[in-house]
Amino acid sequence: LGILCADARAMDRAIAAFRRATSLDPGYARAWNNLGNALRETGAVVEGEEAFARATCADPAYALGWANLGVARRDLGRDDDAAAAFERSIALDPKQRLALTALAGLRRGQGRIDEAAALYERALAVEPRDANAWLLYAGTLAERDDLEAATRAYAEAERRDPRLLRA
């Protein structure tokens, strides 16, 4: 019910359904994760972070929960904590695209360009159709002054989604 309500953009009802699910089964990691997403969607990032943390406590091997925890921590300006959550997610699931691209963005922002490029490459190996990841990768390559590779990556982003005007 919570997922249906979230898909219908009825976030208050989604939150209520996810809260009910977590009260019935406090060990239900996916319900905690979904609650975190719904809360984050409404701007309640601190509460969302708490829900994601509960998801990872309920199931420490839940890679998506760790990735979402990292996103919430990044949104709260806690980059080191976010990076740790992303790294945990990737350790659990090396193909966890959200964690790969989010950690790449953090590393790029820290000036760790080579590391960011490698993380984007890993994300693109998982999902080569992701035009936005191609765009971010291209920007990273351009920052590294690898203009030939950046041009190819921008072209790939545009090929994947011609509406990406930045590409």
N, C-alpha and C. Protein backbone atom coordinates (compact mmCIF):
# COMPACT_ATOMS: atom_id res chain seq x y z
N LEU A 1 0.83 -1.19 0.00
CA LEU A 1 0.00 0.00 0.00
C LEU A 1 0.88 1.26 0.00
N GLY A 2 1.92 1.23 0.81
CA GLY A 2 2.81 2.39 0.86
C GLY A 2 3.44 2.69 -0.48
N ILE A 3 3.86 1.66 -1.19
CA ILE A 3 4.48 1.86 -2.50
C ILE A 3 3.46 2.42 -3.49
N LEU A 4 2.23 1.89 -3.47
CA LEU A 4 1.19 2.40 -4.35
C LEU A 4 0.91 3.87 -4.06
N CYS A 5 0.82 4.21 -2.78
CA CYS A 5 0.57 5.61 -2.41
C CYS A 5 1.73 6.50 -2.83
N ALA A 6 2.95 6.02 -2.65
CA ALA A 6 4.12 6.82 -3.05
C ALA A 6 4.12 7.02 -4.57
N ASP A 7 3.81 5.97 -5.30
CA ASP A 7 3.74 6.09 -6.76
C ASP A 7 2.67 7.08 -7.20
N ALA A 8 1.60 7.18 -6.42
CA ALA A 8 0.51 8.11 -6.72
C ALA A 8 0.78 9.51 -6.15
N ARG A 9 1.98 9.68 -5.57
CA ARG A 9 2.40 10.96 -4.97
C ARG A 9 1.54 11.35 -3.77
N ALA A 10 0.92 10.37 -3.13
CA ALA A 10 0.17 10.60 -1.89
C ALA A 10 1.11 10.27 -0.73
N MET A 11 2.07 11.17 -0.51
CA MET A 11 3.17 10.85 0.41
C MET A 11 2.72 10.70 1.86
N ASP A 12 1.74 11.47 2.31
CA ASP A 12 1.26 11.31 3.69
C ASP A 12 0.70 9.92 3.91
N ARG A 13 -0.05 9.43 2.94
CA ARG A 13 -0.62 8.08 3.06
C ARG A 13 0.49 7.03 2.95
N ALA A 14 1.47 7.27 2.10
CA ALA A 14 2.59 6.34 1.97
C ALA A 14 3.35 6.24 3.29
N ILE A 15 3.64 7.38 3.87
CA ILE A 15 4.37 7.41 5.15
C ILE A 15 3.57 6.66 6.22
N ALA A 16 2.28 6.90 6.27
CA ALA A 16 1.44 6.21 7.26
C ALA A 16 1.48 4.70 7.04
N ALA A 17 1.41 4.27 5.79
CA ALA A 17 1.45 2.82 5.50
C ALA A 17 2.80 2.22 5.89
N PHE A 18 3.89 2.92 5.56
CA PHE A 18 5.21 2.40 5.91
C PHE A 18 5.42 2.39 7.42
N ARG A 19 4.92 3.42 8.09
CA ARG A 19 5.01 3.43 9.57
C ARG A 19 4.25 2.24 10.16
N ARG A 20 3.10 1.96 9.61
CA ARG A 20 2.31 0.82 10.09
C ARG A 20 3.07 -0.48 9.85
N ALA A 21 3.67 -0.62 8.68
CA ALA A 21 4.42 -1.84 8.37
C ALA A 21 5.60 -2.01 9.33
N THR A 22 6.29 -0.92 9.63
CA THR A 22 7.45 -1.03 10.54
C THR A 22 7.01 -1.25 11.98
N SER A 23 5.82 -0.77 12.34
CA SER A 23 5.34 -1.03 13.70
C SER A 23 4.91 -2.49 13.85
N LEU A 24 4.37 -3.07 12.77
CA LEU A 24 3.98 -4.48 12.81
C LEU A 24 5.19 -5.41 12.77
N ASP A 25 6.24 -4.99 12.06
CA ASP A 25 7.45 -5.80 11.95
C ASP A 25 8.66 -4.87 11.95
N PRO A 26 9.19 -4.57 13.15
CA PRO A 26 10.34 -3.65 13.24
C PRO A 26 11.60 -4.18 12.54
N GLY A 27 11.62 -5.45 12.17
CA GLY A 27 12.76 -6.02 11.48
C GLY A 27 12.60 -6.03 9.97
N TYR A 28 11.59 -5.35 9.45
CA TYR A 28 11.29 -5.32 8.03
C TYR A 28 12.10 -4.21 7.36
N ALA A 29 13.30 -4.56 6.93
CA ALA A 29 14.26 -3.58 6.41
C ALA A 29 13.71 -2.80 5.21
N ARG A 30 13.02 -3.48 4.31
CA ARG A 30 12.51 -2.78 3.12
C ARG A 30 11.46 -1.74 3.50
N ALA A 31 10.65 -2.05 4.48
CA ALA A 31 9.65 -1.06 4.92
C ALA A 31 10.35 0.17 5.50
N TRP A 32 11.40 -0.04 6.29
CA TRP A 32 12.17 1.09 6.82
C TRP A 32 12.78 1.90 5.68
N ASN A 33 13.34 1.21 4.69
CA ASN A 33 13.95 1.88 3.54
C ASN A 33 12.90 2.69 2.78
N ASN A 34 11.73 2.09 2.54
CA ASN A 34 10.67 2.80 1.84
C ASN A 34 10.17 4.00 2.64
N LEU A 35 10.08 3.84 3.95
CA LEU A 35 9.71 4.95 4.81
C LEU A 35 10.74 6.08 4.67
N GLY A 36 12.01 5.71 4.67
CA GLY A 36 13.06 6.72 4.50
C GLY A 36 12.93 7.47 3.19
N ASN A 37 12.65 6.74 2.11
CA ASN A 37 12.47 7.40 0.82
C ASN A 37 11.28 8.35 0.83
N ALA A 38 10.18 7.92 1.41
CA ALA A 38 8.98 8.76 1.46
C ALA A 38 9.23 10.01 2.31
N LEU A 39 9.90 9.83 3.44
CA LEU A 39 10.20 10.98 4.29
C LEU A 39 11.14 11.96 3.58
N ARG A 40 12.16 11.41 2.95
CA ARG A 40 13.12 12.25 2.22
C ARG A 40 12.41 13.02 1.10
N GLU A 41 11.48 12.36 0.44
CA GLU A 41 10.72 12.99 -0.64
C GLU A 41 9.94 14.20 -0.14
N THR A 42 9.50 14.17 1.11
CA THR A 42 8.73 15.29 1.67
C THR A 42 9.63 16.34 2.32
N GLY A 43 10.94 16.12 2.27
CA GLY A 43 11.87 17.09 2.85
C GLY A 43 12.29 16.76 4.27
N ALA A 44 11.78 15.69 4.82
CA ALA A 44 12.13 15.28 6.18
C ALA A 44 13.38 14.40 6.13
N VAL A 45 14.51 15.02 5.78
CA VAL A 45 15.74 14.26 5.54
C VAL A 45 16.28 13.64 6.82
N VAL A 46 16.20 14.35 7.93
CA VAL A 46 16.71 13.80 9.20
C VAL A 46 15.92 12.55 9.58
N GLU A 47 14.60 12.63 9.50
CA GLU A 47 13.77 11.45 9.78
C GLU A 47 14.03 10.35 8.77
N GLY A 48 14.24 10.73 7.53
CA GLY A 48 14.57 9.75 6.50
C GLY A 48 15.86 9.03 6.81
N GLU A 49 16.86 9.79 7.23
CA GLU A 49 18.14 9.17 7.60
C GLU A 49 17.94 8.17 8.74
N GLU A 50 17.13 8.53 9.71
CA GLU A 50 16.86 7.62 10.82
C GLU A 50 16.20 6.33 10.33
N ALA A 51 15.27 6.46 9.39
CA ALA A 51 14.61 5.27 8.85
C ALA A 51 15.59 4.40 8.07
N PHE A 52 16.46 5.02 7.28
CA PHE A 52 17.47 4.24 6.54
C PHE A 52 18.42 3.53 7.51
N ALA A 53 18.78 4.22 8.60
CA ALA A 53 19.64 3.59 9.61
C ALA A 53 18.93 2.38 10.23
N ARG A 54 17.63 2.51 10.47
CA ARG A 54 16.87 1.37 11.00
C ARG A 54 16.84 0.22 9.99
N ALA A 55 16.77 0.55 8.70
CA ALA A 55 16.78 -0.49 7.66
C ALA A 55 18.10 -1.26 7.71
N THR A 56 19.21 -0.54 7.85
CA THR A 56 20.51 -1.22 7.86
C THR A 56 20.74 -1.97 9.17
N CYS A 57 20.11 -1.53 10.24
CA CYS A 57 20.18 -2.30 11.50
C CYS A 57 19.36 -3.58 11.39
N ALA A 58 18.20 -3.46 10.75
CA ALA A 58 17.32 -4.62 10.59
C ALA A 58 17.97 -5.67 9.69
N ASP A 59 18.68 -5.22 8.67
CA ASP A 59 19.36 -6.12 7.74
C ASP A 59 20.70 -5.50 7.35
N PRO A 60 21.75 -5.82 8.09
CA PRO A 60 23.06 -5.22 7.81
C PRO A 60 23.61 -5.55 6.42
N ALA A 61 23.03 -6.51 5.73
CA ALA A 61 23.48 -6.87 4.38
C ALA A 61 22.62 -6.23 3.29
N TYR A 62 21.79 -5.26 3.64
CA TYR A 62 20.86 -4.62 2.70
C TYR A 62 21.59 -3.46 2.00
N ALA A 63 22.16 -3.76 0.85
CA ALA A 63 23.00 -2.80 0.13
C ALA A 63 22.23 -1.53 -0.25
N LEU A 64 20.99 -1.67 -0.71
CA LEU A 64 20.21 -0.49 -1.09
C LEU A 64 19.94 0.40 0.12
N GLY A 65 19.70 -0.20 1.27
CA GLY A 65 19.50 0.58 2.49
C GLY A 65 20.74 1.41 2.82
N TRP A 66 21.92 0.80 2.68
CA TRP A 66 23.17 1.52 2.92
C TRP A 66 23.34 2.65 1.92
N ALA A 67 23.00 2.39 0.65
CA ALA A 67 23.12 3.43 -0.38
C ALA A 67 22.21 4.62 -0.06
N ASN A 68 20.96 4.33 0.32
CA ASN A 68 20.03 5.41 0.66
C ASN A 68 20.44 6.14 1.93
N LEU A 69 21.01 5.41 2.87
CA LEU A 69 21.54 6.06 4.08
C LEU A 69 22.64 7.04 3.69
N GLY A 70 23.49 6.63 2.76
CA GLY A 70 24.54 7.52 2.28
C GLY A 70 23.98 8.77 1.63
N VAL A 71 22.94 8.61 0.81
CA VAL A 71 22.33 9.77 0.14
C VAL A 71 21.78 10.74 1.18
N ALA A 72 21.09 10.22 2.19
CA ALA A 72 20.54 11.09 3.23
C ALA A 72 21.65 11.82 3.97
N ARG A 73 22.71 11.10 4.29
CA ARG A 73 23.83 11.74 5.00
C ARG A 73 24.51 12.78 4.12
N ARG A 74 24.62 12.50 2.84
CA ARG A 74 25.19 13.50 1.92
C ARG A 74 24.30 14.74 1.91
N ASP A 75 22.99 14.53 1.84
CA ASP A 75 22.05 15.64 1.82
C ASP A 75 22.15 16.48 3.10
N LEU A 76 22.55 15.85 4.18
CA LEU A 76 22.70 16.55 5.45
C LEU A 76 24.08 17.17 5.61
N GLY A 77 24.92 17.05 4.58
CA GLY A 77 26.25 17.64 4.63
C GLY A 77 27.28 16.82 5.39
N ARG A 78 26.98 15.56 5.61
CA ARG A 78 27.88 14.68 6.36
C ARG A 78 28.60 13.76 5.36
N ASP A 79 29.50 14.36 4.58
CA ASP A 79 30.12 13.65 3.47
C ASP A 79 30.93 12.43 3.90
N ASP A 80 31.66 12.53 5.00
CA ASP A 80 32.45 11.37 5.43
C ASP A 80 31.55 10.20 5.82
N ASP A 81 30.49 10.50 6.54
CA ASP A 81 29.54 9.44 6.91
C ASP A 81 28.83 8.89 5.68
N ALA A 82 28.54 9.76 4.73
CA ALA A 82 27.91 9.33 3.49
C ALA A 82 28.84 8.39 2.73
N ALA A 83 30.10 8.78 2.61
CA ALA A 83 31.07 7.94 1.89
C ALA A 83 31.20 6.57 2.54
N ALA A 84 31.20 6.52 3.86
CA ALA A 84 31.30 5.24 4.56
C ALA A 84 30.09 4.36 4.24
N ALA A 85 28.90 4.96 4.20
CA ALA A 85 27.70 4.19 3.87
C ALA A 85 27.74 3.71 2.43
N PHE A 86 28.18 4.57 1.51
CA PHE A 86 28.29 4.15 0.10
C PHE A 86 29.30 3.01 -0.04
N GLU A 87 30.42 3.13 0.63
CA GLU A 87 31.44 2.09 0.55
C GLU A 87 30.92 0.76 1.12
N ARG A 88 30.16 0.83 2.19
CA ARG A 88 29.56 -0.38 2.76
C ARG A 88 28.58 -1.00 1.75
N SER A 89 27.78 -0.17 1.10
CA SER A 89 26.83 -0.65 0.11
C SER A 89 27.56 -1.36 -1.04
N ILE A 90 28.62 -0.75 -1.52
CA ILE A 90 29.39 -1.31 -2.63
C ILE A 90 30.09 -2.59 -2.22
N ALA A 91 30.56 -2.65 -0.97
CA ALA A 91 31.19 -3.88 -0.48
C ALA A 91 30.18 -5.03 -0.46
N LEU A 92 28.93 -4.71 -0.12
CA LEU A 92 27.88 -5.73 -0.09
C LEU A 92 27.41 -6.11 -1.49
N ASP A 93 27.36 -5.13 -2.37
CA ASP A 93 26.90 -5.36 -3.75
C ASP A 93 27.74 -4.49 -4.68
N PRO A 94 28.78 -5.04 -5.28
CA PRO A 94 29.65 -4.25 -6.15
C PRO A 94 28.94 -3.62 -7.35
N LYS A 95 27.71 -4.03 -7.61
CA LYS A 95 26.94 -3.47 -8.72
C LYS A 95 25.86 -2.50 -8.26
N GLN A 96 25.97 -2.01 -7.03
CA GLN A 96 24.98 -1.09 -6.48
C GLN A 96 25.19 0.29 -7.11
N ARG A 97 24.43 0.52 -8.18
CA ARG A 97 24.61 1.70 -9.02
C ARG A 97 24.42 3.02 -8.27
N LEU A 98 23.40 3.10 -7.43
CA LEU A 98 23.16 4.33 -6.67
C LEU A 98 24.39 4.68 -5.85
N ALA A 99 24.93 3.70 -5.14
CA ALA A 99 26.10 3.95 -4.31
C ALA A 99 27.32 4.31 -5.15
N LEU A 100 27.50 3.63 -6.28
CA LEU A 100 28.65 3.91 -7.15
C LEU A 100 28.60 5.35 -7.67
N THR A 101 27.45 5.77 -8.19
CA THR A 101 27.37 7.12 -8.76
C THR A 101 27.40 8.19 -7.68
N ALA A 102 26.77 7.92 -6.55
CA ALA A 102 26.77 8.92 -5.47
C ALA A 102 28.17 9.08 -4.87
N LEU A 103 28.88 7.97 -4.69
CA LEU A 103 30.25 8.06 -4.18
C LEU A 103 31.14 8.75 -5.20
N ALA A 104 30.92 8.48 -6.49
CA ALA A 104 31.68 9.16 -7.54
C ALA A 104 31.48 10.67 -7.45
N GLY A 105 30.24 11.09 -7.24
CA GLY A 105 29.96 12.52 -7.11
C GLY A 105 30.66 13.14 -5.92
N LEU A 106 30.67 12.41 -4.79
CA LEU A 106 31.39 12.91 -3.61
C LEU A 106 32.88 13.04 -3.91
N ARG A 107 33.44 12.00 -4.51
CA ARG A 107 34.88 12.02 -4.80
C ARG A 107 35.23 13.14 -5.78
N ARG A 108 34.38 13.35 -6.76
CA ARG A 108 34.62 14.44 -7.72
C ARG A 108 34.60 15.78 -7.00
N GLY A 109 33.64 15.96 -6.10
CA GLY A 109 33.56 17.19 -5.33
C GLY A 109 34.76 17.42 -4.43
N GLN A 110 35.41 16.33 -4.04
CA GLN A 110 36.61 16.42 -3.20
C GLN A 110 37.88 16.58 -4.03
N GLY A 111 37.72 16.63 -5.36
CA GLY A 111 38.88 16.77 -6.23
C GLY A 111 39.60 15.46 -6.50
N ARG A 112 38.99 14.35 -6.11
CA ARG A 112 39.58 13.03 -6.34
C ARG A 112 39.05 12.51 -7.67
N ILE A 113 39.51 13.16 -8.74
CA ILE A 113 38.94 12.99 -10.07
C ILE A 113 39.16 11.58 -10.62
N ASP A 114 40.36 11.04 -10.47
CA ASP A 114 40.62 9.70 -11.00
C ASP A 114 39.74 8.66 -10.32
N GLU A 115 39.58 8.79 -9.02
CA GLU A 115 38.72 7.86 -8.29
C GLU A 115 37.26 8.01 -8.73
N ALA A 116 36.83 9.24 -8.93
CA ALA A 116 35.46 9.48 -9.39
C ALA A 116 35.24 8.86 -10.76
N ALA A 117 36.19 9.05 -11.67
CA ALA A 117 36.06 8.49 -13.02
C ALA A 117 35.96 6.97 -12.96
N ALA A 118 36.78 6.35 -12.13
CA ALA A 118 36.74 4.89 -12.01
C ALA A 118 35.40 4.41 -11.47
N LEU A 119 34.83 5.14 -10.52
CA LEU A 119 33.52 4.77 -9.97
C LEU A 119 32.41 4.94 -11.02
N TYR A 120 32.47 6.02 -11.80
CA TYR A 120 31.49 6.18 -12.87
C TYR A 120 31.63 5.06 -13.90
N GLU A 121 32.86 4.66 -14.21
CA GLU A 121 33.06 3.56 -15.15
C GLU A 121 32.42 2.28 -14.62
N ARG A 122 32.57 2.03 -13.32
CA ARG A 122 31.95 0.84 -12.73
C ARG A 122 30.43 0.92 -12.83
N ALA A 123 29.87 2.10 -12.56
CA ALA A 123 28.42 2.27 -12.64
C ALA A 123 27.94 2.07 -14.07
N LEU A 124 28.69 2.57 -15.03
CA LEU A 124 28.31 2.42 -16.43
C LEU A 124 28.45 0.98 -16.91
N ALA A 125 29.35 0.24 -16.32
CA ALA A 125 29.48 -1.18 -16.65
C ALA A 125 28.24 -1.94 -16.19
N VAL A 126 27.65 -1.49 -15.08
CA VAL A 126 26.43 -2.11 -14.57
C VAL A 126 25.23 -1.73 -15.43
N GLU A 127 25.13 -0.44 -15.78
CA GLU A 127 23.99 0.04 -16.56
C GLU A 127 24.46 1.04 -17.61
N PRO A 128 24.89 0.52 -18.76
CA PRO A 128 25.43 1.39 -19.81
C PRO A 128 24.38 2.29 -20.47
N ARG A 129 23.11 2.07 -20.21
CA ARG A 129 22.06 2.92 -20.82
C ARG A 129 21.79 4.19 -20.02
N ASP A 130 22.43 4.38 -18.89
CA ASP A 130 22.17 5.51 -18.01
C ASP A 130 22.80 6.79 -18.57
N ALA A 131 21.99 7.57 -19.28
CA ALA A 131 22.49 8.79 -19.93
C ALA A 131 23.05 9.78 -18.92
N ASN A 132 22.39 9.89 -17.76
CA ASN A 132 22.87 10.85 -16.75
C ASN A 132 24.24 10.44 -16.22
N ALA A 133 24.46 9.15 -16.02
CA ALA A 133 25.78 8.69 -15.57
C ALA A 133 26.84 9.00 -16.64
N TRP A 134 26.48 8.84 -17.92
CA TRP A 134 27.41 9.22 -19.00
C TRP A 134 27.74 10.70 -18.92
N LEU A 135 26.73 11.52 -18.67
CA LEU A 135 26.94 12.97 -18.57
C LEU A 135 27.88 13.31 -17.41
N LEU A 136 27.64 12.71 -16.27
CA LEU A 136 28.50 12.96 -15.10
C LEU A 136 29.92 12.47 -15.34
N TYR A 137 30.03 11.32 -15.96
CA TYR A 137 31.34 10.76 -16.30
C TYR A 137 32.07 11.69 -17.27
N ALA A 138 31.35 12.20 -18.26
CA ALA A 138 31.96 13.11 -19.24
C ALA A 138 32.50 14.36 -18.55
N GLY A 139 31.71 14.92 -17.64
CA GLY A 139 32.17 16.10 -16.90
C GLY A 139 33.41 15.82 -16.07
N THR A 140 33.45 14.63 -15.50
CA THR A 140 34.61 14.23 -14.72
C THR A 140 35.85 14.11 -15.61
N LEU A 141 35.66 13.50 -16.77
CA LEU A 141 36.78 13.38 -17.71
C LEU A 141 37.25 14.75 -18.18
N ALA A 142 36.32 15.66 -18.41
CA ALA A 142 36.69 17.02 -18.82
C ALA A 142 37.48 17.71 -17.72
N GLU A 143 37.09 17.52 -16.47
CA GLU A 143 37.84 18.09 -15.35
C GLU A 143 39.26 17.54 -15.29
N ARG A 144 39.41 16.30 -15.73
CA ARG A 144 40.72 15.64 -15.73
C ARG A 144 41.53 16.06 -16.97
N ASP A 145 40.94 16.89 -17.81
CA ASP A 145 41.57 17.35 -19.06
C ASP A 145 41.77 16.23 -20.06
N ASP A 146 40.93 15.20 -19.96
CA ASP A 146 40.92 14.14 -20.96
C ASP A 146 39.79 14.47 -21.92
N LEU A 147 40.04 15.48 -22.75
CA LEU A 147 38.98 16.06 -23.57
C LEU A 147 38.50 15.11 -24.66
N GLU A 148 39.38 14.30 -25.19
CA GLU A 148 38.95 13.34 -26.22
C GLU A 148 37.96 12.33 -25.64
N ALA A 149 38.30 11.77 -24.49
CA ALA A 149 37.39 10.81 -23.84
C ALA A 149 36.12 11.50 -23.36
N ALA A 150 36.25 12.74 -22.89
CA ALA A 150 35.07 13.49 -22.44
C ALA A 150 34.11 13.72 -23.61
N THR A 151 34.66 14.05 -24.76
CA THR A 151 33.83 14.28 -25.94
C THR A 151 33.07 13.01 -26.31
N ARG A 152 33.76 11.87 -26.26
CA ARG A 152 33.08 10.60 -26.56
C ARG A 152 31.98 10.32 -25.53
N ALA A 153 32.25 10.60 -24.26
CA ALA A 153 31.26 10.34 -23.21
C ALA A 153 30.06 11.29 -23.34
N TYR A 154 30.32 12.55 -23.67
CA TYR A 154 29.20 13.49 -23.91
C TYR A 154 28.35 13.00 -25.08
N ALA A 155 29.01 12.54 -26.14
CA ALA A 155 28.27 12.04 -27.30
C ALA A 155 27.43 10.82 -26.93
N GLU A 156 27.98 9.97 -26.07
CA GLU A 156 27.22 8.79 -25.62
C GLU A 156 26.02 9.21 -24.77
N ALA A 157 26.21 10.21 -23.92
CA ALA A 157 25.09 10.71 -23.11
C ALA A 157 23.99 11.25 -24.01
N GLU A 158 24.39 12.01 -25.02
CA GLU A 158 23.40 12.57 -25.94
C GLU A 158 22.71 11.47 -26.75
N ARG A 159 23.47 10.46 -27.14
CA ARG A 159 22.89 9.34 -27.89
C ARG A 159 21.86 8.60 -27.03
N ARG A 160 22.18 8.43 -25.76
CA ARG A 160 21.28 7.73 -24.85
C ARG A 160 20.02 8.53 -24.54
N ASP A 161 20.17 9.86 -24.48
CA ASP A 161 19.01 10.72 -24.20
C ASP A 161 19.21 12.07 -24.90
N PRO A 162 18.66 12.21 -26.09
CA PRO A 162 18.85 13.46 -26.85
C PRO A 162 18.30 14.70 -26.15
N ARG A 163 17.50 14.52 -25.12
CA ARG A 163 16.96 15.66 -24.37
C ARG A 163 17.95 16.23 -23.38
N LEU A 164 19.08 15.57 -23.17
CA LEU A 164 20.09 16.08 -22.24
C LEU A 164 20.85 17.21 -22.93
N LEU A 165 20.36 18.41 -22.76
CA LEU A 165 20.95 19.55 -23.45
C LEU A 165 22.39 19.80 -23.02
N ARG A 166 22.72 19.53 -21.79
CA ARG A 166 24.11 19.73 -21.34
C ARG A 166 25.07 18.84 -22.09
N ALA A 167 24.62 17.65 -22.50
CA ALA A 167 25.48 16.75 -23.28
C ALA A 167 25.77 17.36 -24.65
